[in-house]
Amino acid sequence: MPPKIPKLGREGAETLALHAVSVIVADDELLAQFMSFTGSGADELRTRITDPDFLGAVLDFVLESDITVEKVAQAAGVALETILIARSQLPGMQVDWTP
């Protein structure tokens, strides 16, 4: 049975984003890609780790790659869709939708 898709509030979204950070920093290649994607360094990662805007950028990075989404979702024990739901709960999400 696949993992259930939870209802996430902002706190749950931040927790999932922090989990994503742990997955990213545990993988040297993924960490290098993240630093390049966000333009941040190790010091900024440490100082902004609790900033909701920064955590949104973390999930933006995760959502850029299906493989990364799968890694984070599997490590967190959540359905893939949960990553997108979590991103929608944090500031700065841009939705490009055309009816």
N, C-alpha and C. Protein backbone atom coordinates (compact mmCIF):
# COMPACT_ATOMS: atom_id res chain seq x y z
N MET A 1 0.85 -1.18 0.00
CA MET A 1 0.00 0.00 0.00
C MET A 1 0.90 1.25 0.00
N PRO A 2 0.66 2.19 -0.92
CA PRO A 2 1.48 3.40 -0.97
C PRO A 2 1.24 4.27 0.26
N PRO A 3 2.24 5.11 0.59
CA PRO A 3 2.06 6.00 1.74
C PRO A 3 0.87 6.93 1.52
N LYS A 4 0.22 7.28 2.60
CA LYS A 4 -0.90 8.21 2.51
C LYS A 4 -0.39 9.62 2.28
N ILE A 5 -1.21 10.41 1.61
CA ILE A 5 -0.87 11.82 1.40
C ILE A 5 -1.44 12.60 2.58
N PRO A 6 -0.55 13.14 3.40
CA PRO A 6 -1.05 13.84 4.59
C PRO A 6 -1.55 15.23 4.27
N LYS A 7 -2.38 15.74 5.16
CA LYS A 7 -2.74 17.15 5.10
C LYS A 7 -1.63 17.88 5.84
N LEU A 8 -1.02 18.81 5.16
CA LEU A 8 0.11 19.51 5.75
C LEU A 8 -0.23 20.97 5.99
N GLY A 9 0.12 21.45 7.14
CA GLY A 9 0.09 22.87 7.41
C GLY A 9 1.50 23.40 7.24
N ARG A 10 1.69 24.62 7.59
CA ARG A 10 3.01 25.23 7.43
C ARG A 10 4.07 24.52 8.26
N GLU A 11 3.74 24.15 9.49
CA GLU A 11 4.72 23.47 10.34
C GLU A 11 5.15 22.13 9.74
N GLY A 12 4.19 21.38 9.23
CA GLY A 12 4.50 20.10 8.59
C GLY A 12 5.34 20.29 7.34
N ALA A 13 5.05 21.35 6.59
CA ALA A 13 5.82 21.65 5.38
C ALA A 13 7.26 22.01 5.74
N GLU A 14 7.43 22.78 6.79
CA GLU A 14 8.78 23.15 7.22
C GLU A 14 9.54 21.91 7.69
N THR A 15 8.86 21.03 8.40
CA THR A 15 9.50 19.80 8.86
C THR A 15 9.95 18.94 7.69
N LEU A 16 9.09 18.81 6.67
CA LEU A 16 9.46 18.04 5.49
C LEU A 16 10.62 18.69 4.75
N ALA A 17 10.63 20.01 4.67
CA ALA A 17 11.73 20.72 4.01
C ALA A 17 13.04 20.50 4.78
N LEU A 18 12.98 20.50 6.09
CA LEU A 18 14.17 20.21 6.89
C LEU A 18 14.65 18.79 6.64
N HIS A 19 13.71 17.88 6.48
CA HIS A 19 14.09 16.50 6.15
C HIS A 19 14.78 16.47 4.79
N ALA A 20 14.26 17.26 3.85
CA ALA A 20 14.89 17.34 2.53
C ALA A 20 16.31 17.87 2.64
N VAL A 21 16.52 18.84 3.51
CA VAL A 21 17.88 19.37 3.71
C VAL A 21 18.80 18.25 4.16
N SER A 22 18.33 17.40 5.07
CA SER A 22 19.18 16.32 5.56
C SER A 22 19.53 15.34 4.44
N VAL A 23 18.60 15.09 3.53
CA VAL A 23 18.86 14.22 2.39
C VAL A 23 19.89 14.89 1.47
N ILE A 24 19.73 16.16 1.25
CA ILE A 24 20.63 16.91 0.35
C ILE A 24 22.05 16.93 0.90
N VAL A 25 22.21 17.28 2.17
CA VAL A 25 23.57 17.41 2.71
C VAL A 25 24.26 16.06 2.88
N ALA A 26 23.50 14.99 2.89
CA ALA A 26 24.10 13.65 3.01
C ALA A 26 24.65 13.14 1.68
N ASP A 27 24.38 13.85 0.61
CA ASP A 27 24.79 13.43 -0.73
C ASP A 27 25.64 14.55 -1.34
N ASP A 28 26.95 14.32 -1.47
CA ASP A 28 27.87 15.37 -1.94
C ASP A 28 27.47 15.94 -3.31
N GLU A 29 27.06 15.08 -4.22
CA GLU A 29 26.67 15.55 -5.56
C GLU A 29 25.40 16.40 -5.49
N LEU A 30 24.44 15.93 -4.71
CA LEU A 30 23.19 16.67 -4.56
C LEU A 30 23.43 18.01 -3.86
N LEU A 31 24.31 18.01 -2.87
CA LEU A 31 24.64 19.25 -2.17
C LEU A 31 25.28 20.26 -3.11
N ALA A 32 26.19 19.80 -3.97
CA ALA A 32 26.83 20.71 -4.93
C ALA A 32 25.78 21.28 -5.90
N GLN A 33 24.84 20.44 -6.33
CA GLN A 33 23.78 20.91 -7.22
C GLN A 33 22.90 21.93 -6.51
N PHE A 34 22.59 21.65 -5.24
CA PHE A 34 21.76 22.57 -4.46
C PHE A 34 22.44 23.92 -4.30
N MET A 35 23.71 23.91 -3.97
CA MET A 35 24.46 25.17 -3.80
C MET A 35 24.47 25.95 -5.10
N SER A 36 24.63 25.26 -6.22
CA SER A 36 24.62 25.93 -7.51
C SER A 36 23.23 26.47 -7.83
N PHE A 37 22.20 25.68 -7.58
CA PHE A 37 20.81 26.05 -7.86
C PHE A 37 20.39 27.28 -7.06
N THR A 38 20.75 27.31 -5.78
CA THR A 38 20.30 28.39 -4.91
C THR A 38 21.29 29.54 -4.83
N GLY A 39 22.53 29.29 -5.22
CA GLY A 39 23.56 30.32 -5.09
C GLY A 39 23.99 30.54 -3.65
N SER A 40 23.66 29.60 -2.79
CA SER A 40 24.01 29.74 -1.38
C SER A 40 25.22 28.88 -1.05
N GLY A 41 25.87 29.25 0.03
CA GLY A 41 27.00 28.48 0.52
C GLY A 41 26.66 27.82 1.83
N ALA A 42 27.63 27.14 2.38
CA ALA A 42 27.41 26.41 3.64
C ALA A 42 27.00 27.34 4.78
N ASP A 43 27.61 28.53 4.83
CA ASP A 43 27.27 29.47 5.90
C ASP A 43 25.82 29.91 5.80
N GLU A 44 25.37 30.21 4.59
CA GLU A 44 23.99 30.63 4.40
C GLU A 44 23.03 29.49 4.74
N LEU A 45 23.40 28.29 4.37
CA LEU A 45 22.57 27.13 4.71
C LEU A 45 22.39 27.03 6.22
N ARG A 46 23.46 27.21 6.96
CA ARG A 46 23.37 27.15 8.43
C ARG A 46 22.56 28.29 9.01
N THR A 47 22.72 29.48 8.49
CA THR A 47 22.04 30.64 9.09
C THR A 47 20.58 30.77 8.68
N ARG A 48 20.23 30.22 7.52
CA ARG A 48 18.85 30.39 7.03
C ARG A 48 18.00 29.13 7.15
N ILE A 49 18.51 28.13 7.82
CA ILE A 49 17.85 26.83 7.88
C ILE A 49 16.43 26.89 8.44
N THR A 50 16.11 27.89 9.23
CA THR A 50 14.76 28.00 9.79
C THR A 50 13.91 29.06 9.08
N ASP A 51 14.45 29.68 8.04
CA ASP A 51 13.74 30.72 7.29
C ASP A 51 12.75 30.05 6.33
N PRO A 52 11.46 30.31 6.48
CA PRO A 52 10.46 29.68 5.60
C PRO A 52 10.71 29.94 4.12
N ASP A 53 11.21 31.13 3.77
CA ASP A 53 11.52 31.42 2.37
C ASP A 53 12.63 30.50 1.86
N PHE A 54 13.64 30.30 2.67
CA PHE A 54 14.76 29.43 2.30
C PHE A 54 14.27 27.98 2.19
N LEU A 55 13.43 27.56 3.12
CA LEU A 55 12.90 26.19 3.07
C LEU A 55 12.05 25.99 1.82
N GLY A 56 11.37 27.04 1.38
CA GLY A 56 10.65 26.98 0.11
C GLY A 56 11.61 26.75 -1.04
N ALA A 57 12.76 27.43 -1.00
CA ALA A 57 13.77 27.25 -2.04
C ALA A 57 14.32 25.83 -2.02
N VAL A 58 14.43 25.24 -0.84
CA VAL A 58 14.87 23.85 -0.73
C VAL A 58 13.90 22.95 -1.49
N LEU A 59 12.61 23.14 -1.24
CA LEU A 59 11.62 22.30 -1.93
C LEU A 59 11.54 22.61 -3.41
N ASP A 60 11.79 23.87 -3.80
CA ASP A 60 11.86 24.20 -5.23
C ASP A 60 12.96 23.36 -5.89
N PHE A 61 14.10 23.29 -5.22
CA PHE A 61 15.22 22.49 -5.73
C PHE A 61 14.82 21.02 -5.84
N VAL A 62 14.22 20.50 -4.81
CA VAL A 62 13.80 19.10 -4.81
C VAL A 62 12.86 18.83 -5.98
N LEU A 63 11.93 19.73 -6.22
CA LEU A 63 10.92 19.54 -7.26
C LEU A 63 11.47 19.66 -8.68
N GLU A 64 12.71 20.10 -8.83
CA GLU A 64 13.32 20.22 -10.15
C GLU A 64 13.68 18.85 -10.74
N SER A 65 13.74 17.81 -9.91
CA SER A 65 14.17 16.50 -10.38
C SER A 65 13.29 15.40 -9.80
N ASP A 66 12.75 14.58 -10.68
CA ASP A 66 11.93 13.46 -10.21
C ASP A 66 12.74 12.53 -9.30
N ILE A 67 14.00 12.35 -9.62
CA ILE A 67 14.85 11.47 -8.82
C ILE A 67 15.00 12.03 -7.41
N THR A 68 15.19 13.34 -7.30
CA THR A 68 15.33 13.95 -5.98
C THR A 68 14.02 13.91 -5.22
N VAL A 69 12.92 14.12 -5.89
CA VAL A 69 11.61 13.99 -5.25
C VAL A 69 11.46 12.59 -4.68
N GLU A 70 11.82 11.59 -5.47
CA GLU A 70 11.71 10.21 -5.01
C GLU A 70 12.60 9.94 -3.81
N LYS A 71 13.84 10.45 -3.84
CA LYS A 71 14.77 10.26 -2.72
C LYS A 71 14.21 10.86 -1.43
N VAL A 72 13.73 12.09 -1.52
CA VAL A 72 13.22 12.77 -0.33
C VAL A 72 11.94 12.10 0.17
N ALA A 73 11.05 11.79 -0.75
CA ALA A 73 9.80 11.15 -0.35
C ALA A 73 10.06 9.79 0.30
N GLN A 74 10.94 9.02 -0.29
CA GLN A 74 11.25 7.70 0.27
C GLN A 74 11.90 7.84 1.65
N ALA A 75 12.84 8.76 1.78
CA ALA A 75 13.51 8.95 3.06
C ALA A 75 12.55 9.43 4.14
N ALA A 76 11.56 10.24 3.73
CA ALA A 76 10.59 10.78 4.69
C ALA A 76 9.41 9.84 4.90
N GLY A 77 9.29 8.82 4.04
CA GLY A 77 8.18 7.89 4.15
C GLY A 77 6.84 8.50 3.76
N VAL A 78 6.88 9.39 2.76
CA VAL A 78 5.65 10.05 2.32
C VAL A 78 5.44 9.80 0.83
N ALA A 79 4.23 10.02 0.37
CA ALA A 79 3.91 9.93 -1.06
C ALA A 79 4.61 11.07 -1.81
N LEU A 80 4.92 10.83 -3.07
CA LEU A 80 5.61 11.84 -3.88
C LEU A 80 4.88 13.17 -3.89
N GLU A 81 3.57 13.12 -3.97
CA GLU A 81 2.75 14.33 -4.05
C GLU A 81 2.90 15.21 -2.82
N THR A 82 3.32 14.62 -1.73
CA THR A 82 3.46 15.36 -0.48
C THR A 82 4.48 16.49 -0.60
N ILE A 83 5.50 16.28 -1.43
CA ILE A 83 6.53 17.31 -1.62
C ILE A 83 5.90 18.57 -2.21
N LEU A 84 5.07 18.40 -3.22
CA LEU A 84 4.40 19.55 -3.84
C LEU A 84 3.41 20.20 -2.88
N ILE A 85 2.69 19.39 -2.14
CA ILE A 85 1.76 19.92 -1.15
C ILE A 85 2.53 20.75 -0.12
N ALA A 86 3.65 20.22 0.34
CA ALA A 86 4.47 20.95 1.31
C ALA A 86 4.95 22.27 0.72
N ARG A 87 5.36 22.25 -0.54
CA ARG A 87 5.86 23.48 -1.16
C ARG A 87 4.77 24.54 -1.21
N SER A 88 3.55 24.13 -1.41
CA SER A 88 2.45 25.09 -1.51
C SER A 88 2.16 25.77 -0.17
N GLN A 89 2.67 25.21 0.92
CA GLN A 89 2.43 25.78 2.24
C GLN A 89 3.51 26.78 2.66
N LEU A 90 4.54 26.92 1.86
CA LEU A 90 5.64 27.83 2.20
C LEU A 90 5.62 29.04 1.28
N PRO A 91 6.17 30.17 1.75
CA PRO A 91 6.14 31.39 0.94
C PRO A 91 6.97 31.28 -0.34
N GLY A 92 6.58 32.07 -1.33
CA GLY A 92 7.37 32.22 -2.53
C GLY A 92 7.04 31.28 -3.67
N MET A 93 6.04 30.44 -3.51
CA MET A 93 5.71 29.51 -4.60
C MET A 93 5.07 30.28 -5.75
N GLN A 94 5.59 30.05 -6.92
CA GLN A 94 5.05 30.67 -8.12
C GLN A 94 4.33 29.60 -8.91
N VAL A 95 3.11 29.85 -9.24
CA VAL A 95 2.32 28.90 -10.01
C VAL A 95 2.13 29.46 -11.41
N ASP A 96 2.64 28.73 -12.39
CA ASP A 96 2.46 29.10 -13.79
C ASP A 96 1.38 28.21 -14.36
N TRP A 97 0.18 28.74 -14.42
CA TRP A 97 -0.95 27.94 -14.88
C TRP A 97 -1.74 28.75 -15.89
N THR A 98 -2.00 28.13 -17.00
CA THR A 98 -2.80 28.77 -18.03
C THR A 98 -4.04 27.93 -18.28
N PRO A 99 -5.22 28.53 -18.12
CA PRO A 99 -6.46 27.75 -18.35
C PRO A 99 -6.66 27.40 -19.80
